[in-house]
Amino acid sequence: MIQPSTDPQIDRIDRRILDVLQRQGRLPMTELAQEVGLSTSPVTERVRRMERAGIITGYQARVDP
């Protein structure tokens, strides 16, 4: 089991990625990259890093009642 980092480093771009993912968690990486103004490769690496650090712990669907 991967242990979350005790001191994750989150910068402005990471926060933007998290904000977009909270609103649209199933967004393709290419569209996420466009939203935050980076290419796909660095965005993918940032998301993976945040998953490994325990900052992103999952993705879920919410059903509107």
Protein backbone atom coordinates (compact mmCIF):
# COMPACT_ATOMS: atom_id res chain seq x y z
CA MET A 1 0.00 0.00 0.00
CA ILE A 2 1.29 3.45 -0.90
CA GLN A 3 1.64 5.81 2.03
CA PRO A 4 0.63 9.45 1.51
CA SER A 5 3.41 12.00 1.68
CA THR A 6 3.61 13.85 4.99
CA ASP A 7 4.66 17.12 3.30
CA PRO A 8 3.29 17.26 -0.22
CA GLN A 9 4.45 20.19 -2.31
CA ILE A 10 1.48 21.77 -4.06
CA ASP A 11 2.02 24.74 -6.35
CA ARG A 12 -0.38 27.04 -8.18
CA ILE A 13 -0.65 24.73 -11.19
CA ASP A 14 -1.36 21.69 -9.00
CA ARG A 15 -4.15 23.66 -7.32
CA ARG A 16 -5.61 24.53 -10.72
CA ILE A 17 -5.47 20.87 -11.74
CA LEU A 18 -7.23 19.87 -8.52
CA ASP A 19 -9.89 22.54 -9.02
CA VAL A 20 -10.66 21.31 -12.54
CA LEU A 21 -10.68 17.66 -11.44
CA GLN A 22 -13.08 18.43 -8.59
CA ARG A 23 -15.52 19.90 -11.10
CA GLN A 24 -14.88 17.45 -13.95
CA GLY A 25 -13.14 14.34 -12.65
CA ARG A 26 -13.53 12.36 -15.88
CA LEU A 27 -11.97 15.02 -18.10
CA PRO A 28 -9.40 13.58 -20.56
CA MET A 29 -5.80 14.58 -19.87
CA THR A 30 -5.64 16.53 -23.13
CA GLU A 31 -8.57 18.71 -22.08
CA LEU A 32 -7.25 19.04 -18.53
CA ALA A 33 -3.94 20.22 -19.97
CA GLN A 34 -5.72 22.85 -22.05
CA GLU A 35 -7.65 24.03 -18.99
CA VAL A 36 -4.46 24.65 -17.00
CA GLY A 37 -2.30 25.87 -19.87
CA LEU A 38 0.25 23.05 -20.05
CA SER A 39 0.92 20.20 -22.44
CA THR A 40 -0.48 16.76 -21.73
CA SER A 41 2.78 15.17 -20.54
CA PRO A 42 3.49 17.46 -17.56
CA VAL A 43 -0.17 17.43 -16.50
CA THR A 44 -0.23 13.63 -16.57
CA GLU A 45 2.94 13.51 -14.45
CA ARG A 46 1.54 16.02 -11.95
CA VAL A 47 -1.69 14.04 -11.58
CA ARG A 48 0.25 10.80 -11.08
CA ARG A 49 2.52 12.48 -8.51
CA MET A 50 -0.50 13.74 -6.58
CA GLU A 51 -2.07 10.27 -6.72
CA ARG A 52 1.13 8.69 -5.35
CA ALA A 53 1.33 11.33 -2.62
CA GLY A 54 -2.25 10.64 -1.53
CA ILE A 55 -3.46 14.10 -2.52
CA ILE A 56 -5.77 12.58 -5.13
CA THR A 57 -7.30 9.48 -3.57
CA GLY A 58 -9.94 8.59 -6.11
CA TYR A 59 -12.50 9.66 -8.65
CA GLN A 60 -16.23 9.39 -8.22
CA ALA A 61 -19.48 9.98 -10.02
CA ARG A 62 -22.20 11.97 -8.33
CA VAL A 63 -25.80 11.34 -9.25
CA ASP A 64 -28.11 14.33 -9.23
CA PRO A 65 -31.20 13.42 -7.16
